[in-house]
Amino acid sequence: MPPAHVDAIRKRMAVAFPGKEILIGETGWPSQGRMREGALPSRTNQARVVSEILGLAKQENFRVNLIEAYDQPWKRELEGHQSADIGA
């Protein structure tokens, strides 16, 4: 998810749950696979988006959980590229 989308969701949750800490539980960008709505999967875009999300988190003082540090090619057979190629 691009940083603007992550921030918009975070702000909606803050309104729905005032006073609660909002933790972004999972976000990322694929390193390869098919393009969706103009979002081009690539290692460069993946690094840029993760960096921008972490920068936004620091600026806006919220936490982000990056769960997959590496692509996981063994997931392709069961879950497809969207799960296999989302490592940071």
N, C-alpha and C. Protein backbone atom coordinates (compact mmCIF):
# COMPACT_ATOMS: atom_id res chain seq x y z
N MET A 1 0.83 -1.17 0.00
CA MET A 1 0.00 0.00 0.00
C MET A 1 0.88 1.24 0.00
N PRO A 2 0.56 2.20 -0.82
CA PRO A 2 1.32 3.45 -0.78
C PRO A 2 1.10 4.17 0.56
N PRO A 3 2.06 5.00 0.96
CA PRO A 3 1.96 5.68 2.25
C PRO A 3 0.67 6.49 2.44
N ALA A 4 0.19 7.16 1.40
CA ALA A 4 -1.04 7.96 1.54
C ALA A 4 -2.23 7.06 1.88
N HIS A 5 -2.28 5.88 1.31
CA HIS A 5 -3.37 4.94 1.59
C HIS A 5 -3.27 4.43 3.03
N VAL A 6 -2.06 4.08 3.45
CA VAL A 6 -1.85 3.62 4.83
C VAL A 6 -2.26 4.72 5.80
N ASP A 7 -1.86 5.96 5.53
CA ASP A 7 -2.18 7.07 6.42
C ASP A 7 -3.69 7.33 6.48
N ALA A 8 -4.36 7.22 5.32
CA ALA A 8 -5.81 7.44 5.30
C ALA A 8 -6.53 6.39 6.15
N ILE A 9 -6.11 5.15 6.05
CA ILE A 9 -6.73 4.09 6.85
C ILE A 9 -6.44 4.31 8.33
N ARG A 10 -5.19 4.68 8.64
CA ARG A 10 -4.81 4.93 10.04
C ARG A 10 -5.67 6.05 10.63
N LYS A 11 -5.88 7.11 9.88
CA LYS A 11 -6.69 8.23 10.37
C LYS A 11 -8.15 7.84 10.56
N ARG A 12 -8.68 7.01 9.66
CA ARG A 12 -10.07 6.53 9.82
C ARG A 12 -10.21 5.70 11.08
N MET A 13 -9.22 4.87 11.36
CA MET A 13 -9.26 4.04 12.57
C MET A 13 -9.14 4.90 13.83
N ALA A 14 -8.32 5.96 13.76
CA ALA A 14 -8.17 6.86 14.91
C ALA A 14 -9.49 7.56 15.25
N VAL A 15 -10.26 7.88 14.22
CA VAL A 15 -11.57 8.49 14.44
C VAL A 15 -12.53 7.46 15.03
N ALA A 16 -12.48 6.25 14.52
CA ALA A 16 -13.39 5.19 14.99
C ALA A 16 -13.05 4.72 16.40
N PHE A 17 -11.76 4.82 16.78
CA PHE A 17 -11.32 4.34 18.09
C PHE A 17 -10.48 5.42 18.78
N PRO A 18 -11.12 6.52 19.17
CA PRO A 18 -10.37 7.64 19.75
C PRO A 18 -9.64 7.22 21.03
N GLY A 19 -8.43 7.75 21.18
CA GLY A 19 -7.63 7.47 22.37
C GLY A 19 -6.88 6.16 22.33
N LYS A 20 -7.10 5.35 21.31
CA LYS A 20 -6.42 4.06 21.19
C LYS A 20 -5.19 4.20 20.29
N GLU A 21 -4.14 3.46 20.62
CA GLU A 21 -2.97 3.45 19.75
C GLU A 21 -3.32 2.66 18.49
N ILE A 22 -2.95 3.20 17.35
CA ILE A 22 -3.19 2.52 16.08
C ILE A 22 -1.86 1.94 15.62
N LEU A 23 -1.81 0.64 15.45
CA LEU A 23 -0.62 -0.06 14.97
C LEU A 23 -0.93 -0.60 13.58
N ILE A 24 -0.08 -0.26 12.62
CA ILE A 24 -0.24 -0.81 11.27
C ILE A 24 0.33 -2.23 11.33
N GLY A 25 -0.54 -3.21 11.21
CA GLY A 25 -0.16 -4.60 11.43
C GLY A 25 0.53 -5.26 10.25
N GLU A 26 0.21 -4.84 9.04
CA GLU A 26 0.83 -5.47 7.88
C GLU A 26 0.69 -4.54 6.67
N THR A 27 1.80 -4.26 6.06
CA THR A 27 1.79 -3.48 4.83
C THR A 27 3.03 -3.83 4.03
N GLY A 28 3.05 -3.50 2.78
CA GLY A 28 4.22 -3.81 1.97
C GLY A 28 3.97 -3.52 0.50
N TRP A 29 4.89 -3.98 -0.32
CA TRP A 29 4.84 -3.76 -1.76
C TRP A 29 5.51 -4.95 -2.43
N PRO A 30 4.93 -5.50 -3.49
CA PRO A 30 5.53 -6.67 -4.14
C PRO A 30 6.79 -6.32 -4.94
N SER A 31 7.74 -7.25 -4.95
CA SER A 31 8.97 -7.06 -5.73
C SER A 31 8.77 -7.49 -7.18
N GLN A 32 7.77 -8.33 -7.42
CA GLN A 32 7.46 -8.77 -8.78
C GLN A 32 6.02 -9.21 -8.84
N GLY A 33 5.54 -9.53 -10.03
CA GLY A 33 4.15 -9.94 -10.22
C GLY A 33 3.45 -8.97 -11.15
N ARG A 34 2.14 -9.05 -11.20
CA ARG A 34 1.40 -8.21 -12.15
C ARG A 34 1.13 -6.83 -11.56
N MET A 35 1.04 -5.87 -12.45
CA MET A 35 0.76 -4.50 -12.06
C MET A 35 -0.73 -4.36 -11.76
N ARG A 36 -1.06 -3.65 -10.71
CA ARG A 36 -2.46 -3.43 -10.33
C ARG A 36 -2.72 -1.94 -10.19
N GLU A 37 -3.66 -1.44 -10.97
CA GLU A 37 -4.08 -0.04 -10.89
C GLU A 37 -2.89 0.92 -10.90
N GLY A 38 -1.93 0.70 -11.76
CA GLY A 38 -0.79 1.59 -11.89
C GLY A 38 0.33 1.35 -10.89
N ALA A 39 0.17 0.37 -10.01
CA ALA A 39 1.18 0.07 -9.00
C ALA A 39 2.16 -0.96 -9.56
N LEU A 40 3.35 -0.50 -9.91
CA LEU A 40 4.34 -1.36 -10.56
C LEU A 40 5.18 -2.11 -9.53
N PRO A 41 5.09 -3.44 -9.50
CA PRO A 41 5.93 -4.23 -8.61
C PRO A 41 7.39 -4.18 -9.06
N SER A 42 8.28 -3.89 -8.15
CA SER A 42 9.72 -3.93 -8.42
C SER A 42 10.45 -3.80 -7.09
N ARG A 43 11.69 -4.27 -7.06
CA ARG A 43 12.49 -4.14 -5.83
C ARG A 43 12.70 -2.67 -5.48
N THR A 44 12.89 -1.83 -6.48
CA THR A 44 13.09 -0.40 -6.24
C THR A 44 11.84 0.22 -5.62
N ASN A 45 10.68 -0.05 -6.21
CA ASN A 45 9.44 0.49 -5.66
C ASN A 45 9.15 -0.08 -4.28
N GLN A 46 9.47 -1.35 -4.09
CA GLN A 46 9.27 -1.98 -2.80
C GLN A 46 10.08 -1.25 -1.72
N ALA A 47 11.35 -1.00 -1.99
CA ALA A 47 12.22 -0.31 -1.03
C ALA A 47 11.73 1.11 -0.78
N ARG A 48 11.30 1.80 -1.85
CA ARG A 48 10.82 3.18 -1.72
C ARG A 48 9.57 3.25 -0.85
N VAL A 49 8.60 2.38 -1.13
CA VAL A 49 7.33 2.41 -0.40
C VAL A 49 7.55 2.07 1.07
N VAL A 50 8.32 1.04 1.35
CA VAL A 50 8.59 0.69 2.75
C VAL A 50 9.28 1.85 3.47
N SER A 51 10.26 2.45 2.81
CA SER A 51 10.97 3.59 3.40
C SER A 51 10.02 4.76 3.66
N GLU A 52 9.13 5.04 2.72
CA GLU A 52 8.17 6.14 2.88
C GLU A 52 7.19 5.85 4.02
N ILE A 53 6.74 4.61 4.14
CA ILE A 53 5.82 4.26 5.22
C ILE A 53 6.51 4.40 6.57
N LEU A 54 7.76 3.93 6.67
CA LEU A 54 8.49 4.07 7.92
C LEU A 54 8.75 5.54 8.25
N GLY A 55 9.04 6.35 7.23
CA GLY A 55 9.21 7.78 7.44
C GLY A 55 7.94 8.45 7.94
N LEU A 56 6.81 8.07 7.35
CA LEU A 56 5.52 8.60 7.77
C LEU A 56 5.23 8.20 9.22
N ALA A 57 5.53 6.95 9.55
CA ALA A 57 5.30 6.46 10.91
C ALA A 57 6.12 7.27 11.92
N LYS A 58 7.36 7.56 11.57
CA LYS A 58 8.20 8.35 12.46
C LYS A 58 7.66 9.78 12.59
N GLN A 59 7.29 10.36 11.47
CA GLN A 59 6.78 11.74 11.44
C GLN A 59 5.47 11.87 12.22
N GLU A 60 4.57 10.90 12.04
CA GLU A 60 3.24 10.96 12.66
C GLU A 60 3.17 10.20 13.98
N ASN A 61 4.28 9.61 14.38
CA ASN A 61 4.39 8.91 15.66
C ASN A 61 3.42 7.73 15.80
N PHE A 62 3.48 6.80 14.85
CA PHE A 62 2.73 5.56 14.98
C PHE A 62 3.66 4.39 14.66
N ARG A 63 3.26 3.21 15.08
CA ARG A 63 4.10 2.03 14.88
C ARG A 63 3.64 1.21 13.70
N VAL A 64 4.61 0.55 13.05
CA VAL A 64 4.36 -0.31 11.90
C VAL A 64 5.06 -1.64 12.16
N ASN A 65 4.38 -2.72 11.86
CA ASN A 65 4.95 -4.05 12.00
C ASN A 65 5.30 -4.57 10.60
N LEU A 66 6.60 -4.63 10.30
CA LEU A 66 7.05 -5.22 9.03
C LEU A 66 7.29 -6.70 9.29
N ILE A 67 6.46 -7.56 8.72
CA ILE A 67 6.56 -8.97 9.07
C ILE A 67 7.48 -9.79 8.16
N GLU A 68 7.54 -9.49 6.93
CA GLU A 68 8.33 -10.32 6.02
C GLU A 68 9.52 -9.52 5.48
N ALA A 69 10.70 -9.89 5.92
CA ALA A 69 11.90 -9.17 5.50
C ALA A 69 12.39 -9.63 4.13
N TYR A 70 11.98 -10.79 3.70
CA TYR A 70 12.45 -11.36 2.43
C TYR A 70 11.28 -11.93 1.65
N ASP A 71 11.42 -11.93 0.33
CA ASP A 71 10.42 -12.62 -0.50
C ASP A 71 10.38 -14.08 -0.08
N GLN A 72 9.23 -14.70 -0.22
CA GLN A 72 9.03 -16.08 0.18
C GLN A 72 8.48 -16.89 -1.00
N PRO A 73 9.37 -17.26 -1.94
CA PRO A 73 8.92 -17.89 -3.18
C PRO A 73 8.13 -19.18 -3.00
N TRP A 74 8.31 -19.88 -1.90
CA TRP A 74 7.57 -21.12 -1.68
C TRP A 74 6.07 -20.88 -1.51
N LYS A 75 5.64 -19.64 -1.29
CA LYS A 75 4.22 -19.34 -1.12
C LYS A 75 3.48 -19.22 -2.46
N ARG A 76 4.22 -19.11 -3.57
CA ARG A 76 3.57 -18.88 -4.88
C ARG A 76 2.53 -19.94 -5.21
N GLU A 77 2.85 -21.19 -4.97
CA GLU A 77 1.96 -22.27 -5.37
C GLU A 77 0.60 -22.18 -4.67
N LEU A 78 0.59 -21.87 -3.38
CA LEU A 78 -0.66 -21.83 -2.63
C LEU A 78 -1.33 -20.46 -2.60
N GLU A 79 -0.52 -19.39 -2.55
CA GLU A 79 -1.08 -18.06 -2.35
C GLU A 79 -0.85 -17.09 -3.50
N GLY A 80 0.01 -17.44 -4.45
CA GLY A 80 0.29 -16.57 -5.58
C GLY A 80 1.37 -15.54 -5.29
N HIS A 81 1.67 -14.74 -6.32
CA HIS A 81 2.74 -13.74 -6.20
C HIS A 81 2.47 -12.72 -5.10
N GLN A 82 1.20 -12.36 -4.89
CA GLN A 82 0.90 -11.32 -3.91
C GLN A 82 1.42 -11.68 -2.53
N SER A 83 1.52 -12.94 -2.19
CA SER A 83 2.06 -13.35 -0.89
C SER A 83 3.53 -13.71 -0.96
N ALA A 84 3.96 -14.23 -2.07
CA ALA A 84 5.35 -14.71 -2.19
C ALA A 84 6.35 -13.60 -2.36
N ASP A 85 5.95 -12.51 -2.99
CA ASP A 85 6.91 -11.47 -3.39
C ASP A 85 6.71 -10.16 -2.65
N ILE A 86 6.31 -10.23 -1.38
CA ILE A 86 6.01 -9.01 -0.64
C ILE A 86 7.06 -8.70 0.43
N GLY A 87 8.16 -9.43 0.44
CA GLY A 87 9.22 -9.15 1.42
C GLY A 87 9.74 -7.74 1.29
N ALA A 88 10.20 -7.22 2.40
CA ALA A 88 10.73 -5.84 2.40
C ALA A 88 12.15 -5.90 1.97
